[in-house]
Amino acid sequence: MNKVIAVLLLSISTPLFAAMTPKDLFAKYKHAVVRIDLYYQGIGLSLGSAFFVSGDGHLVTNSHVIR
């Protein structure tokens, strides 16, 4: 089963984030970022990151991370 999910992200230059420094952004949202390690038969194939977009566990990542 293949699914494609499109997510609209706000630019960090928008007023919502304009007053936050990169350090502040990290402190506020670090709990939502995860590391993805993809292995097949013990061989590391890919490494990347993703972030939670919902409270029920949906993640967003780049397609190259999971291919």
Protein backbone atom coordinates (compact mmCIF):
# COMPACT_ATOMS: atom_id res chain seq x y z
CA MET A 1 0.00 0.00 0.00
CA ASN A 2 1.46 3.34 -1.04
CA LYS A 3 0.29 6.57 0.50
CA VAL A 4 1.29 10.09 -0.34
CA ILE A 5 0.71 12.73 2.28
CA ALA A 6 1.08 16.41 1.52
CA VAL A 7 1.70 18.79 4.38
CA LEU A 8 1.75 22.56 4.17
CA LEU A 9 4.44 23.94 6.42
CA LEU A 10 4.70 27.52 7.58
CA SER A 11 7.90 29.30 6.75
CA ILE A 12 9.93 30.22 9.83
CA SER A 13 9.99 33.75 8.49
CA THR A 14 6.27 34.16 9.21
CA PRO A 15 5.29 36.35 12.16
CA LEU A 16 4.42 33.22 14.16
CA PHE A 17 8.12 32.32 14.40
CA ALA A 18 9.75 35.70 13.71
CA ALA A 19 10.40 36.45 17.39
CA MET A 20 11.90 33.02 18.10
CA THR A 21 15.59 32.32 17.81
CA PRO A 22 16.78 28.97 16.42
CA LYS A 23 17.59 27.96 20.01
CA ASP A 24 14.04 28.80 21.10
CA LEU A 25 12.55 26.87 18.16
CA PHE A 26 14.63 23.81 19.01
CA ALA A 27 13.71 23.96 22.70
CA LYS A 28 10.01 24.21 21.88
CA TYR A 29 9.76 21.54 19.15
CA LYS A 30 12.58 19.03 19.83
CA HIS A 31 10.08 16.59 21.36
CA ALA A 32 8.40 16.24 17.95
CA VAL A 33 11.54 15.28 15.98
CA VAL A 34 12.66 11.68 15.56
CA ARG A 35 15.62 9.91 13.96
CA ILE A 36 14.89 7.19 11.41
CA ASP A 37 17.34 4.32 10.84
CA LEU A 38 16.31 1.98 8.04
CA TYR A 39 17.82 -1.51 8.05
CA TYR A 40 17.27 -4.58 5.88
CA GLN A 41 18.72 -7.91 7.03
CA GLY A 42 21.09 -6.11 9.37
CA ILE A 43 22.44 -3.72 6.75
CA GLY A 44 21.93 0.00 7.28
CA LEU A 45 20.21 1.42 4.22
CA SER A 46 19.19 4.93 5.19
CA LEU A 47 19.34 7.50 7.95
CA GLY A 48 17.13 10.53 8.27
CA SER A 49 14.73 12.45 10.42
CA ALA A 50 11.01 13.04 10.65
CA PHE A 51 8.61 14.99 12.80
CA PHE A 52 5.22 14.30 14.34
CA VAL A 53 2.29 16.13 12.78
CA SER A 54 -0.47 14.68 14.93
CA GLY A 55 -1.09 13.40 18.40
CA ASP A 56 -1.87 9.89 17.14
CA GLY A 57 1.62 9.25 15.78
CA HIS A 58 1.64 10.38 12.15
CA LEU A 59 5.12 11.37 10.98
CA VAL A 60 6.38 13.36 8.00
CA THR A 61 9.74 12.68 6.38
CA ASN A 62 11.38 12.96 2.98
CA SER A 63 10.82 10.13 0.52
CA HIS A 64 14.57 9.45 0.15
CA VAL A 65 14.70 8.45 3.83
CA ILE A 66 12.39 5.46 3.36
CA ARG A 67 13.30 4.32 -0.18
